[in-house]
């Protein structure tokens, strides 16, 4: 069964650019190396540019463990955690329904 998660956090204003680069690096790594990560999107809040929300779907527990233990995740953590105002908030969800047809015409 897929694992659906979110991560929400806010960073200090002076760290935004550094954090955005760390996010981009992580997402690029996920795209290239984590076939078990079925969906990963990182968003920056429009009205509060210091706030971020990541939404992800992992194929299974193995994929989640691989993601968490990757060097890319370690690099991300080394930048984001010290810059975060409060601890990151992770939540897991059960799917009710979806529409992932981003490429449809």
PDB file of N, CA and C in Angstrom:
ATOM      1  N   UNK A   1       0.843  -1.175   0.000  1.00  0.00           N
ATOM      2  CA  UNK A   1       0.000   0.000   0.000  1.00  0.00           C
ATOM      3  C   UNK A   1       0.893   1.244   0.000  1.00  0.00           C
ATOM      4  N   UNK A   2       0.614   2.207  -0.853  1.00  0.00           N
ATOM      5  CA  UNK A   2       1.428   3.426  -0.902  1.00  0.00           C
ATOM      6  C   UNK A   2       1.380   4.198   0.417  1.00  0.00           C
ATOM      7  N   UNK A   3       2.456   4.914   0.686  1.00  0.00           N
ATOM      8  CA  UNK A   3       2.557   5.760   1.869  1.00  0.00           C
ATOM      9  C   UNK A   3       2.474   7.204   1.396  1.00  0.00           C
ATOM     10  N   UNK A   4       1.453   7.912   1.856  1.00  0.00           N
ATOM     11  CA  UNK A   4       1.217   9.296   1.458  1.00  0.00           C
ATOM     12  C   UNK A   4       1.587  10.181   2.640  1.00  0.00           C
ATOM     13  N   UNK A   5       2.449  11.171   2.383  1.00  0.00           N
ATOM     14  CA  UNK A   5       2.945  12.010   3.471  1.00  0.00           C
ATOM     15  C   UNK A   5       3.008  13.470   3.062  1.00  0.00           C
ATOM     16  N   UNK A   6       3.005  14.321   4.084  1.00  0.00           N
ATOM     17  CA  UNK A   6       3.332  15.730   3.897  1.00  0.00           C
ATOM     18  C   UNK A   6       4.390  16.110   4.918  1.00  0.00           C
ATOM     19  N   UNK A   7       5.150  17.132   4.570  1.00  0.00           N
ATOM     20  CA  UNK A   7       6.094  17.757   5.497  1.00  0.00           C
ATOM     21  C   UNK A   7       5.859  19.257   5.397  1.00  0.00           C
ATOM     22  N   UNK A   8       5.658  19.887   6.523  1.00  0.00           N
ATOM     23  CA  UNK A   8       5.377  21.326   6.560  1.00  0.00           C
ATOM     24  C   UNK A   8       6.382  21.981   7.508  1.00  0.00           C
ATOM     25  N   UNK A   9       6.904  23.143   7.088  1.00  0.00           N
ATOM     26  CA  UNK A   9       7.852  23.860   7.930  1.00  0.00           C
ATOM     27  C   UNK A   9       7.977  25.304   7.474  1.00  0.00           C
ATOM     28  N   UNK A  10       8.570  26.101   8.349  1.00  0.00           N
ATOM     29  CA  UNK A  10       8.844  27.499   8.050  1.00  0.00           C
ATOM     30  C   UNK A  10      10.294  27.769   8.418  1.00  0.00           C
ATOM     31  N   UNK A  11      10.988  28.523   7.571  1.00  0.00           N
ATOM     32  CA  UNK A  11      12.405  28.807   7.798  1.00  0.00           C
ATOM     33  C   UNK A  11      12.606  30.288   8.112  1.00  0.00           C
ATOM     34  N   UNK A  12      13.768  30.581   8.648  1.00  0.00           N
ATOM     35  CA  UNK A  12      14.124  31.968   8.942  1.00  0.00           C
ATOM     36  C   UNK A  12      14.298  32.739   7.629  1.00  0.00           C
ATOM     37  N   UNK A  13      13.898  34.005   7.609  1.00  0.00           N
ATOM     38  CA  UNK A  13      13.954  34.786   6.361  1.00  0.00           C
ATOM     39  C   UNK A  13      15.324  34.783   5.684  1.00  0.00           C
ATOM     40  N   UNK A  14      16.380  34.873   6.449  1.00  0.00           N
ATOM     41  CA  UNK A  14      17.719  34.932   5.863  1.00  0.00           C
ATOM     42  C   UNK A  14      18.158  33.598   5.254  1.00  0.00           C
ATOM     43  N   UNK A  15      17.411  32.536   5.505  1.00  0.00           N
ATOM     44  CA  UNK A  15      17.782  31.207   5.013  1.00  0.00           C
ATOM     45  C   UNK A  15      16.962  30.756   3.807  1.00  0.00           C
ATOM     46  N   UNK A  16      16.027  31.564   3.347  1.00  0.00           N
ATOM     47  CA  UNK A  16      15.102  31.131   2.294  1.00  0.00           C
ATOM     48  C   UNK A  16      15.830  30.688   1.034  1.00  0.00           C
ATOM     49  N   UNK A  17      16.739  31.485   0.527  1.00  0.00           N
ATOM     50  CA  UNK A  17      17.413  31.129  -0.728  1.00  0.00           C
ATOM     51  C   UNK A  17      18.218  29.840  -0.591  1.00  0.00           C
ATOM     52  N   UNK A  18      18.928  29.703   0.511  1.00  0.00           N
ATOM     53  CA  UNK A  18      19.718  28.491   0.757  1.00  0.00           C
ATOM     54  C   UNK A  18      18.798  27.269   0.859  1.00  0.00           C
ATOM     55  N   UNK A  19      17.656  27.435   1.516  1.00  0.00           N
ATOM     56  CA  UNK A  19      16.701  26.335   1.663  1.00  0.00           C
ATOM     57  C   UNK A  19      16.070  25.969   0.327  1.00  0.00           C
ATOM     58  N   UNK A  20      15.728  26.966  -0.477  1.00  0.00           N
ATOM     59  CA  UNK A  20      15.145  26.676  -1.788  1.00  0.00           C
ATOM     60  C   UNK A  20      16.120  25.881  -2.647  1.00  0.00           C
ATOM     61  N   UNK A  21      17.403  26.199  -2.569  1.00  0.00           N
ATOM     62  CA  UNK A  21      18.385  25.433  -3.337  1.00  0.00           C
ATOM     63  C   UNK A  21      18.481  24.000  -2.816  1.00  0.00           C
ATOM     64  N   UNK A  22      18.439  23.829  -1.504  1.00  0.00           N
ATOM     65  CA  UNK A  22      18.469  22.480  -0.923  1.00  0.00           C
ATOM     66  C   UNK A  22      17.242  21.678  -1.356  1.00  0.00           C
ATOM     67  N   UNK A  23      16.098  22.330  -1.431  1.00  0.00           N
ATOM     68  CA  UNK A  23      14.869  21.665  -1.881  1.00  0.00           C
ATOM     69  C   UNK A  23      15.012  21.236  -3.335  1.00  0.00           C
ATOM     70  N   UNK A  24      15.475  22.144  -4.184  1.00  0.00           N
ATOM     71  CA  UNK A  24      15.654  21.822  -5.605  1.00  0.00           C
ATOM     72  C   UNK A  24      16.615  20.655  -5.784  1.00  0.00           C
ATOM     73  N   UNK A  25      17.695  20.653  -5.016  1.00  0.00           N
ATOM     74  CA  UNK A  25      18.667  19.559  -5.102  1.00  0.00           C
ATOM     75  C   UNK A  25      18.036  18.230  -4.689  1.00  0.00           C
ATOM     76  N   UNK A  26      17.249  18.248  -3.628  1.00  0.00           N
ATOM     77  CA  UNK A  26      16.593  17.020  -3.172  1.00  0.00           C
ATOM     78  C   UNK A  26      15.611  16.509  -4.218  1.00  0.00           C
ATOM     79  N   UNK A  27      14.784  17.390  -4.745  1.00  0.00           N
ATOM     80  CA  UNK A  27      13.783  16.969  -5.727  1.00  0.00           C
ATOM     81  C   UNK A  27      14.458  16.412  -6.976  1.00  0.00           C
ATOM     82  N   UNK A  28      15.537  17.024  -7.406  1.00  0.00           N
ATOM     83  CA  UNK A  28      16.261  16.516  -8.578  1.00  0.00           C
ATOM     84  C   UNK A  28      16.822  15.121  -8.296  1.00  0.00           C
ATOM     85  N   UNK A  29      17.363  14.922  -7.103  1.00  0.00           N
ATOM     86  CA  UNK A  29      17.871  13.607  -6.728  1.00  0.00           C
ATOM     87  C   UNK A  29      16.743  12.575  -6.731  1.00  0.00           C
ATOM     88  N   UNK A  30      15.615  12.929  -6.138  1.00  0.00           N
ATOM     89  CA  UNK A  30      14.463  12.017  -6.094  1.00  0.00           C
ATOM     90  C   UNK A  30      14.052  11.633  -7.509  1.00  0.00           C
ATOM     91  N   UNK A  31      13.978  12.626  -8.377  1.00  0.00           N
ATOM     92  CA  UNK A  31      13.559  12.400  -9.766  1.00  0.00           C
ATOM     93  C   UNK A  31      14.492  11.423 -10.475  1.00  0.00           C
ATOM     94  N   UNK A  32      15.778  11.542 -10.233  1.00  0.00           N
ATOM     95  CA  UNK A  32      16.775  10.737 -10.941  1.00  0.00           C
ATOM     96  C   UNK A  32      17.054   9.379 -10.300  1.00  0.00           C
ATOM     97  N   UNK A  33      16.827   9.250  -8.999  1.00  0.00           N
ATOM     98  CA  UNK A  33      17.331   8.067  -8.289  1.00  0.00           C
ATOM     99  C   UNK A  33      16.310   7.256  -7.499  1.00  0.00           C
ATOM    100  N   UNK A  34      15.141   7.787  -7.248  1.00  0.00           N
ATOM    101  CA  UNK A  34      14.191   7.097  -6.372  1.00  0.00           C
ATOM    102  C   UNK A  34      12.961   6.649  -7.148  1.00  0.00           C
ATOM    103  N   UNK A  35      13.066   5.514  -7.775  1.00  0.00           N
ATOM    104  CA  UNK A  35      11.939   4.993  -8.561  1.00  0.00           C
ATOM    105  C   UNK A  35      10.749   4.623  -7.679  1.00  0.00           C
ATOM    106  N   UNK A  36      10.996   4.337  -6.413  1.00  0.00           N
ATOM    107  CA  UNK A  36       9.918   4.005  -5.492  1.00  0.00           C
ATOM    108  C   UNK A  36       9.204   5.216  -4.908  1.00  0.00           C
ATOM    109  N   UNK A  37       9.735   6.405  -5.197  1.00  0.00           N
ATOM    110  CA  UNK A  37       9.037   7.633  -4.821  1.00  0.00           C
ATOM    111  C   UNK A  37       8.143   7.983  -5.998  1.00  0.00           C
ATOM    112  N   UNK A  38       6.864   7.722  -5.852  1.00  0.00           N
ATOM    113  CA  UNK A  38       5.919   7.839  -6.957  1.00  0.00           C
ATOM    114  C   UNK A  38       5.534   9.281  -7.247  1.00  0.00           C
ATOM    115  N   UNK A  39       5.586  10.117  -6.237  1.00  0.00           N
ATOM    116  CA  UNK A  39       5.163  11.518  -6.381  1.00  0.00           C
ATOM    117  C   UNK A  39       5.909  12.337  -5.346  1.00  0.00           C
ATOM    118  N   UNK A  40       6.472  13.453  -5.770  1.00  0.00           N
ATOM    119  CA  UNK A  40       7.141  14.350  -4.825  1.00  0.00           C
ATOM    120  C   UNK A  40       7.012  15.758  -5.370  1.00  0.00           C
ATOM    121  N   UNK A  41       6.396  16.625  -4.602  1.00  0.00           N
ATOM    122  CA  UNK A  41       6.290  18.025  -4.992  1.00  0.00           C
ATOM    123  C   UNK A  41       6.585  18.878  -3.766  1.00  0.00           C
ATOM    124  N   UNK A  42       7.405  19.891  -3.960  1.00  0.00           N
ATOM    125  CA  UNK A  42       7.739  20.832  -2.896  1.00  0.00           C
ATOM    126  C   UNK A  42       7.169  22.190  -3.279  1.00  0.00           C
ATOM    127  N   UNK A  43       6.444  22.802  -2.359  1.00  0.00           N
ATOM    128  CA  UNK A  43       5.759  24.064  -2.618  1.00  0.00           C
ATOM    129  C   UNK A  43       6.188  25.130  -1.625  1.00  0.00           C
ATOM    130  N   UNK A  44       6.259  26.372  -2.113  1.00  0.00           N
ATOM    131  CA  UNK A  44       6.511  27.527  -1.266  1.00  0.00           C
ATOM    132  C   UNK A  44       5.206  28.319  -1.179  1.00  0.00           C
ATOM    133  N   UNK A  45       4.809  28.659   0.026  1.00  0.00           N
ATOM    134  CA  UNK A  45       3.552  29.385   0.218  1.00  0.00           C
ATOM    135  C   UNK A  45       3.647  30.782  -0.393  1.00  0.00           C
ATOM    136  N   UNK A  46       2.608  31.211  -1.072  1.00  0.00           N
ATOM    137  CA  UNK A  46       2.610  32.506  -1.756  1.00  0.00           C
ATOM    138  C   UNK A  46       2.572  33.668  -0.763  1.00  0.00           C
ATOM    139  N   UNK A  47       1.669  33.636   0.191  1.00  0.00           N
ATOM    140  CA  UNK A  47       1.517  34.754   1.122  1.00  0.00           C
ATOM    141  C   UNK A  47       2.548  34.754   2.249  1.00  0.00           C
ATOM    142  N   UNK A  48       3.202  33.636   2.456  1.00  0.00           N
ATOM    143  CA  UNK A  48       4.259  33.534   3.467  1.00  0.00           C
ATOM    144  C   UNK A  48       5.426  32.786   2.829  1.00  0.00           C
ATOM    145  N   UNK A  49       6.338  33.495   2.166  1.00  0.00           N
ATOM    146  CA  UNK A  49       7.404  32.830   1.413  1.00  0.00           C
ATOM    147  C   UNK A  49       8.434  32.097   2.271  1.00  0.00           C
ATOM    148  N   UNK A  50       8.263  32.127   3.572  1.00  0.00           N
ATOM    149  CA  UNK A  50       9.161  31.390   4.467  1.00  0.00           C
ATOM    150  C   UNK A  50       8.598  30.010   4.802  1.00  0.00           C
ATOM    151  N   UNK A  51       7.380  29.738   4.330  1.00  0.00           N
ATOM    152  CA  UNK A  51       6.692  28.481   4.648  1.00  0.00           C
ATOM    153  C   UNK A  51       6.706  27.543   3.442  1.00  0.00           C
ATOM    154  N   UNK A  52       6.934  26.269   3.711  1.00  0.00           N
ATOM    155  CA  UNK A  52       7.041  25.257   2.661  1.00  0.00           C
ATOM    156  C   UNK A  52       6.180  24.049   3.010  1.00  0.00           C
ATOM    157  N   UNK A  53       5.694  23.399   1.953  1.00  0.00           N
ATOM    158  CA  UNK A  53       4.909  22.172   2.094  1.00  0.00           C
ATOM    159  C   UNK A  53       5.388  21.183   1.045  1.00  0.00           C
ATOM    160  N   UNK A  54       5.804  20.003   1.486  1.00  0.00           N
ATOM    161  CA  UNK A  54       6.183  18.919   0.583  1.00  0.00           C
ATOM    162  C   UNK A  54       5.077  17.872   0.638  1.00  0.00           C
ATOM    163  N   UNK A  55       4.683  17.370  -0.530  1.00  0.00           N
ATOM    164  CA  UNK A  55       3.708  16.285  -0.615  1.00  0.00           C
ATOM    165  C   UNK A  55       4.378  15.139  -1.356  1.00  0.00           C
ATOM    166  N   UNK A  56       4.264  13.933  -0.809  1.00  0.00           N
ATOM    167  CA  UNK A  56       4.974  12.807  -1.397  1.00  0.00           C
ATOM    168  C   UNK A  56       4.189  11.517  -1.264  1.00  0.00           C
ATOM    169  N   UNK A  57       4.428  10.639  -2.228  1.00  0.00           N
ATOM    170  CA  UNK A  57       3.839   9.304  -2.190  1.00  0.00           C
ATOM    171  C   UNK A  57       4.958   8.307  -2.452  1.00  0.00           C
ATOM    172  N   UNK A  58       5.125   7.385  -1.519  1.00  0.00           N
ATOM    173  CA  UNK A  58       6.133   6.340  -1.641  1.00  0.00           C
ATOM    174  C   UNK A  58       5.437   5.022  -1.950  1.00  0.00           C
ATOM    175  N   UNK A  59       6.052   4.227  -2.788  1.00  0.00           N
ATOM    176  CA  UNK A  59       5.479   2.942  -3.199  1.00  0.00           C
ATOM    177  C   UNK A  59       5.212   2.041  -2.002  1.00  0.00           C
ATOM    178  N   UNK A  60       6.152   2.046  -1.053  1.00  0.00           N
ATOM    179  CA  UNK A  60       6.041   1.172   0.112  1.00  0.00           C
ATOM    180  C   UNK A  60       7.043   1.627   1.160  1.00  0.00           C
ATOM    181  N   UNK A  61       7.122   0.873   2.241  1.00  0.00           N
ATOM    182  CA  UNK A  61       8.025   1.201   3.348  1.00  0.00           C
ATOM    183  C   UNK A  61       9.487   1.170   2.909  1.00  0.00           C
ATOM    184  N   UNK A  62       9.824   0.271   2.010  1.00  0.00           N
ATOM    185  CA  UNK A  62      11.199   0.189   1.492  1.00  0.00           C
ATOM    186  C   UNK A  62      11.568   1.489   0.788  1.00  0.00           C
ATOM    187  N   UNK A  63      10.673   2.004  -0.044  1.00  0.00           N
ATOM    188  CA  UNK A  63      10.935   3.255  -0.765  1.00  0.00           C
ATOM    189  C   UNK A  63      11.080   4.425   0.206  1.00  0.00           C
ATOM    190  N   UNK A  64      10.249   4.465   1.231  1.00  0.00           N
ATOM    191  CA  UNK A  64      10.344   5.524   2.233  1.00  0.00           C
ATOM    192  C   UNK A  64      11.674   5.443   2.970  1.00  0.00           C
ATOM    193  N   UNK A  65      12.077   4.255   3.350  1.00  0.00           N
ATOM    194  CA  UNK A  65      13.355   4.071   4.040  1.00  0.00           C
ATOM    195  C   UNK A  65      14.520   4.479   3.150  1.00  0.00           C
ATOM    196  N   UNK A  66      14.464   4.103   1.876  1.00  0.00           N
ATOM    197  CA  UNK A  66      15.527   4.500   0.938  1.00  0.00           C
ATOM    198  C   UNK A  66      15.598   6.019   0.825  1.00  0.00           C
ATOM    199  N   UNK A  67      14.445   6.670   0.762  1.00  0.00           N
ATOM    200  CA  UNK A  67      14.415   8.131   0.671  1.00  0.00           C
ATOM    201  C   UNK A  67      15.032   8.756   1.919  1.00  0.00           C
ATOM    202  N   UNK A  68      14.589   8.320   3.062  1.00  0.00           N
ATOM    203  CA  UNK A  68      15.064   8.906   4.325  1.00  0.00           C
ATOM    204  C   UNK A  68      16.555   8.686   4.555  1.00  0.00           C
ATOM    205  N   UNK A  69      17.094   7.595   4.041  1.00  0.00           N
ATOM    206  CA  UNK A  69      18.497   7.268   4.307  1.00  0.00           C
ATOM    207  C   UNK A  69      19.443   7.688   3.185  1.00  0.00           C
ATOM    208  N   UNK A  70      18.936   8.378   2.181  1.00  0.00           N
ATOM    209  CA  UNK A  70      19.790   8.783   1.058  1.00  0.00           C
ATOM    210  C   UNK A  70      20.717   9.928   1.461  1.00  0.00           C
ATOM    211  N   UNK A  71      21.832  10.039   0.746  1.00  0.00           N
ATOM    212  CA  UNK A  71      22.751  11.155   0.971  1.00  0.00           C
ATOM    213  C   UNK A  71      22.068  12.477   0.667  1.00  0.00           C
ATOM    214  N   UNK A  72      21.192  12.493  -0.318  1.00  0.00           N
ATOM    215  CA  UNK A  72      20.474  13.723  -0.667  1.00  0.00           C
ATOM    216  C   UNK A  72      19.576  14.172   0.483  1.00  0.00           C
ATOM    217  N   UNK A  73      18.914  13.229   1.129  1.00  0.00           N
ATOM    218  CA  UNK A  73      18.070  13.578   2.276  1.00  0.00           C
ATOM    219  C   UNK A  73      18.923  14.098   3.427  1.00  0.00           C
ATOM    220  N   UNK A  74      20.085  13.508   3.630  1.00  0.00           N
ATOM    221  CA  UNK A  74      20.993  13.982   4.677  1.00  0.00           C
ATOM    222  C   UNK A  74      21.441  15.410   4.403  1.00  0.00           C
ATOM    223  N   UNK A  75      21.768  15.715   3.144  1.00  0.00           N
ATOM    224  CA  UNK A  75      22.168  17.085   2.787  1.00  0.00           C
ATOM    225  C   UNK A  75      21.006  18.054   2.999  1.00  0.00           C
ATOM    226  N   UNK A  76      19.807  17.644   2.606  1.00  0.00           N
ATOM    227  CA  UNK A  76      18.609  18.462   2.796  1.00  0.00           C
ATOM    228  C   UNK A  76      18.410  18.759   4.282  1.00  0.00           C
ATOM    229  N   UNK A  77      18.455  17.734   5.097  1.00  0.00           N
ATOM    230  CA  UNK A  77      18.272  17.883   6.541  1.00  0.00           C
ATOM    231  C   UNK A  77      19.323  18.822   7.128  1.00  0.00           C
ATOM    232  N   UNK A  78      20.559  18.724   6.648  1.00  0.00           N
ATOM    233  CA  UNK A  78      21.640  19.552   7.198  1.00  0.00           C
ATOM    234  C   UNK A  78      21.432  21.038   6.924  1.00  0.00           C
ATOM    235  N   UNK A  79      20.646  21.374   5.918  1.00  0.00           N
ATOM    236  CA  UNK A  79      20.340  22.771   5.606  1.00  0.00           C
ATOM    237  C   UNK A  79      19.016  23.198   6.244  1.00  0.00           C
ATOM    238  N   UNK A  80      17.980  22.395   6.063  1.00  0.00           N
ATOM    239  CA  UNK A  80      16.626  22.795   6.466  1.00  0.00           C
ATOM    240  C   UNK A  80      16.436  22.785   7.982  1.00  0.00           C
ATOM    241  N   UNK A  81      16.863  21.743   8.646  1.00  0.00           N
ATOM    242  CA  UNK A  81      16.583  21.644  10.080  1.00  0.00           C
ATOM    243  C   UNK A  81      17.167  22.814  10.871  1.00  0.00           C
ATOM    244  N   UNK A  82      18.420  23.213  10.650  1.00  0.00           N
ATOM    245  CA  UNK A  82      18.933  24.371  11.397  1.00  0.00           C
ATOM    246  C   UNK A  82      18.227  25.684  11.034  1.00  0.00           C
ATOM    247  N   UNK A  83      17.691  25.770   9.816  1.00  0.00           N
ATOM    248  CA  UNK A  83      17.022  26.993   9.362  1.00  0.00           C
ATOM    249  C   UNK A  83      15.561  27.059   9.787  1.00  0.00           C
ATOM    250  N   UNK A  84      14.994  25.941  10.191  1.00  0.00           N
ATOM    251  CA  UNK A  84      13.570  25.885  10.537  1.00  0.00           C
ATOM    252  C   UNK A  84      13.302  26.615  11.852  1.00  0.00           C
ATOM    253  N   UNK A  85      12.205  27.345  11.874  1.00  0.00           N
ATOM    254  CA  UNK A  85      11.810  28.072  13.076  1.00  0.00           C
ATOM    255  C   UNK A  85      11.295  27.097  14.133  1.00  0.00           C
ATOM    256  N   UNK A  86      10.506  26.134  13.716  1.00  0.00           N
ATOM    257  CA  UNK A  86       9.977  25.087  14.595  1.00  0.00           C
ATOM    258  C   UNK A  86      10.319  23.737  13.979  1.00  0.00           C
ATOM    259  N   UNK A  87      10.199  22.653  14.729  1.00  0.00           N
ATOM    260  CA  UNK A  87      10.439  21.334  14.129  1.00  0.00           C
ATOM    261  C   UNK A  87       9.518  21.093  12.932  1.00  0.00           C
ATOM    262  N   UNK A  88      10.021  20.373  11.948  1.00  0.00           N
ATOM    263  CA  UNK A  88       9.208  20.032  10.785  1.00  0.00           C
ATOM    264  C   UNK A  88       8.038  19.168  11.229  1.00  0.00           C
ATOM    265  N   UNK A  89       6.900  19.373  10.591  1.00  0.00           N
ATOM    266  CA  UNK A  89       5.694  18.622  10.922  1.00  0.00           C
ATOM    267  C   UNK A  89       5.411  17.629   9.797  1.00  0.00           C
ATOM    268  N   UNK A  90       5.522  16.340  10.109  1.00  0.00           N
ATOM    269  CA  UNK A  90       5.251  15.275   9.148  1.00  0.00           C
ATOM    270  C   UNK A  90       3.905  14.640   9.482  1.00  0.00           C
ATOM    271  N   UNK A  91       3.122  14.345   8.428  1.00  0.00           N
ATOM    272  CA  UNK A  91       1.851  13.647   8.615  1.00  0.00           C
ATOM    273  C   UNK A  91       1.709  12.585   7.540  1.00  0.00           C
ATOM    274  N   UNK A  92       1.029  11.484   7.897  1.00  0.00           N
ATOM    275  CA  UNK A  92       0.714  10.420   6.937  1.00  0.00           C
ATOM    276  C   UNK A  92      -0.787  10.408   6.693  1.00  0.00           C
ATOM    277  N   UNK A  93      -1.163   9.995   5.478  1.00  0.00           N
ATOM    278  CA  UNK A  93      -2.560  10.025   5.067  1.00  0.00           C
ATOM    279  C   UNK A  93      -2.960   8.716   4.407  1.00  0.00           C
ATOM    280  N   UNK A  94      -4.251   8.422   4.446  1.00  0.00           N
ATOM    281  CA  UNK A  94      -4.859   7.356   3.652  1.00  0.00           C
ATOM    282  C   UNK A  94      -5.508   8.005   2.444  1.00  0.00           C
ATOM    283  N   UNK A  95      -5.352   7.397   1.288  1.00  0.00           N
ATOM    284  CA  UNK A  95      -5.941   7.940   0.070  1.00  0.00           C
ATOM    285  C   UNK A  95      -7.441   7.679   0.033  1.00  0.00           C
ATOM    286  N   UNK A  96      -8.189   8.696  -0.334  1.00  0.00           N
ATOM    287  CA  UNK A  96      -9.628   8.580  -0.562  1.00  0.00           C
ATOM    288  C   UNK A  96      -9.897   8.539  -2.064  1.00  0.00           C
ATOM    289  N   UNK A  97      -9.158   9.294  -2.823  1.00  0.00           N
ATOM    290  CA  UNK A  97      -9.292   9.354  -4.275  1.00  0.00           C
ATOM    291  C   UNK A  97      -8.218  10.269  -4.829  1.00  0.00           C
ATOM    292  N   UNK A  98      -8.012  10.229  -6.140  1.00  0.00           N
ATOM    293  CA  UNK A  98      -6.997  11.093  -6.741  1.00  0.00           C
ATOM    294  C   UNK A  98      -7.282  11.338  -8.217  1.00  0.00           C
ATOM    295  N   UNK A  99      -6.598  12.336  -8.744  1.00  0.00           N
ATOM    296  CA  UNK A  99      -6.586  12.634 -10.172  1.00  0.00           C
ATOM    297  C   UNK A  99      -5.198  13.163 -10.493  1.00  0.00           C
ATOM    298  N   UNK A 100      -4.305  12.300 -10.934  1.00  0.00           N
ATOM    299  CA  UNK A 100      -2.928  12.674 -11.241  1.00  0.00           C
ATOM    300  C   UNK A 100      -2.703  12.812 -12.735  1.00  0.00           C
ATOM    301  N   UNK A 101      -3.692  13.208 -13.464  1.00  0.00           N
ATOM    302  CA  UNK A 101      -3.583  13.296 -14.921  1.00  0.00           C
ATOM    303  C   UNK A 101      -3.029  14.645 -15.354  1.00  0.00           C
ATOM    304  N   UNK A 102      -1.826  14.985 -14.889  1.00  0.00           N
ATOM    305  CA  UNK A 102      -1.225  16.279 -15.198  1.00  0.00           C
ATOM    306  C   UNK A 102      -0.977  16.464 -16.685  1.00  0.00           C
ATOM    307  N   UNK A 103      -0.655  15.397 -17.393  1.00  0.00           N
ATOM    308  CA  UNK A 103      -0.286  15.493 -18.797  1.00  0.00           C
ATOM    309  C   UNK A 103      -1.431  15.314 -19.773  1.00  0.00           C
ATOM    310  N   UNK A 104      -2.647  15.185 -19.285  1.00  0.00           N
ATOM    311  CA  UNK A 104      -3.758  14.917 -20.211  1.00  0.00           C
ATOM    312  C   UNK A 104      -4.076  16.157 -21.043  1.00  0.00           C
ATOM    313  N   UNK A 105      -4.709  15.906 -22.178  1.00  0.00           N
ATOM    314  CA  UNK A 105      -5.006  16.998 -23.108  1.00  0.00           C
ATOM    315  C   UNK A 105      -6.467  17.322 -23.125  1.00  0.00           C
TER     316      UNK A 105
END
